[in-house]
Each structure stands twice: as C-alpha cells, then as structure tokens.
Amino acid sequence: MLSNIGIPGLILILVLALIIFGPKKLPEIGRAFGETLKEFKKSTRELTKDDDNDNRK
C-alpha cells in the first residue's frame, strides 16, 4: 500500500500534517507512532515465536 505513494505523495502528506497539527505537535505524534510500531513488532515476534514453539511439540 505505501509503495504506491511515492516521494511527492509523501511530501504532500507531511506538509498537510504540518499545517493541521503544527510544528509543536508533530514530534509528539511521531514519537507515539514510533512507540506503537515498536509494540506491534514486539507483539508480532512474540506471537510467531509462540507458534513456532507450539509446532515443535
């Protein structure tokens, strides 16, 4: 899905986010998004690890 956006589309999204949220809110939003991705990846790894352990038994 994100591979179809391209550089101009990404720049447009970033400019719109800057206009809507302002420069003070963007770092907070980015930090929250990064933490959410980190938790999602951690949960996914744990689920796949649990599945691998179940298949070995």
C-alpha atoms as a PDB file:
ATOM      1  CA  MET A   1       0.000   0.000   0.000  1.00  0.00           C
ATOM      2  CA  LEU A   2       2.690   2.509   0.956  1.00  0.00           C
ATOM      3  CA  SER A   3       4.812   1.584  -2.046  1.00  0.00           C
ATOM      4  CA  ASN A   4       2.286   3.317  -4.333  1.00  0.00           C
ATOM      5  CA  ILE A   5       2.572   6.723  -2.594  1.00  0.00           C
ATOM      6  CA  GLY A   6       5.959   7.838  -3.893  1.00  0.00           C
ATOM      7  CA  ILE A   7       8.057  10.823  -2.867  1.00  0.00           C
ATOM      8  CA  PRO A   8       5.642  13.604  -3.997  1.00  0.00           C
ATOM      9  CA  GLY A   9       2.755  11.984  -2.153  1.00  0.00           C
ATOM     10  CA  LEU A  10       4.836  11.568   0.986  1.00  0.00           C
ATOM     11  CA  ILE A  11       5.888  15.228   0.873  1.00  0.00           C
ATOM     12  CA  LEU A  12       2.247  16.256   0.449  1.00  0.00           C
ATOM     13  CA  ILE A  13       1.209  14.179   3.457  1.00  0.00           C
ATOM     14  CA  LEU A  14       3.993  15.675   5.583  1.00  0.00           C
ATOM     15  CA  VAL A  15       3.074  19.241   4.580  1.00  0.00           C
ATOM     16  CA  LEU A  16      -0.599  18.616   5.355  1.00  0.00           C
ATOM     17  CA  ALA A  17       0.310  17.132   8.740  1.00  0.00           C
ATOM     18  CA  LEU A  18       2.463  20.171   9.480  1.00  0.00           C
ATOM     19  CA  ILE A  19      -0.381  22.522   8.565  1.00  0.00           C
ATOM     20  CA  ILE A  20      -3.029  20.578  10.508  1.00  0.00           C
ATOM     21  CA  PHE A  21      -1.095  19.725  13.679  1.00  0.00           C
ATOM     22  CA  GLY A  22       1.554  22.440  13.768  1.00  0.00           C
ATOM     23  CA  PRO A  23       5.275  22.140  14.418  1.00  0.00           C
ATOM     24  CA  LYS A  24       4.916  21.658  18.186  1.00  0.00           C
ATOM     25  CA  LYS A  25       2.656  18.605  17.959  1.00  0.00           C
ATOM     26  CA  LEU A  26       4.472  16.717  15.179  1.00  0.00           C
ATOM     27  CA  PRO A  27       7.321  15.360  17.366  1.00  0.00           C
ATOM     28  CA  GLU A  28       4.786  14.052  19.887  1.00  0.00           C
ATOM     29  CA  ILE A  29       2.750  12.399  17.150  1.00  0.00           C
ATOM     30  CA  GLY A  30       5.881  10.878  15.600  1.00  0.00           C
ATOM     31  CA  ARG A  31       7.043   9.554  18.956  1.00  0.00           C
ATOM     32  CA  ALA A  32       3.653   7.989  19.669  1.00  0.00           C
ATOM     33  CA  PHE A  33       3.581   6.433  16.185  1.00  0.00           C
ATOM     34  CA  GLY A  34       7.081   5.010  16.673  1.00  0.00           C
ATOM     35  CA  GLU A  35       6.199   3.517  20.050  1.00  0.00           C
ATOM     36  CA  THR A  36       3.054   1.987  18.574  1.00  0.00           C
ATOM     37  CA  LEU A  37       5.059   0.382  15.759  1.00  0.00           C
ATOM     38  CA  LYS A  38       7.634  -0.927  18.227  1.00  0.00           C
ATOM     39  CA  GLU A  39       4.929  -2.531  20.382  1.00  0.00           C
ATOM     40  CA  PHE A  40       3.252  -4.020  17.310  1.00  0.00           C
ATOM     41  CA  LYS A  41       6.520  -5.562  16.111  1.00  0.00           C
ATOM     42  CA  LYS A  42       7.242  -6.912  19.602  1.00  0.00           C
ATOM     43  CA  SER A  43       3.793  -8.498  19.828  1.00  0.00           C
ATOM     44  CA  THR A  44       4.120  -9.979  16.356  1.00  0.00           C
ATOM     45  CA  ARG A  45       7.512 -11.502  17.198  1.00  0.00           C
ATOM     46  CA  GLU A  46       6.124 -12.989  20.405  1.00  0.00           C
ATOM     47  CA  LEU A  47       3.141 -14.471  18.580  1.00  0.00           C
ATOM     48  CA  THR A  48       5.287 -16.036  15.871  1.00  0.00           C
ATOM     49  CA  LYS A  49       7.710 -17.351  18.488  1.00  0.00           C
ATOM     50  CA  ASP A  50       4.794 -18.923  20.397  1.00  0.00           C
ATOM     51  CA  ASP A  51       3.520 -20.506  17.170  1.00  0.00           C
ATOM     52  CA  ASP A  52       6.962 -21.923  16.400  1.00  0.00           C
ATOM     53  CA  ASN A  53       7.210 -23.416  19.893  1.00  0.00           C
ATOM     54  CA  ASP A  54       3.736 -24.969  19.585  1.00  0.00           C
ATOM     55  CA  ASN A  55       4.597 -26.552  16.229  1.00  0.00           C
ATOM     56  CA  ARG A  56       7.765 -28.168  17.596  1.00  0.00           C
ATOM     57  CA  LYS A  57       5.970 -30.016  20.394  1.00  0.00           C
END
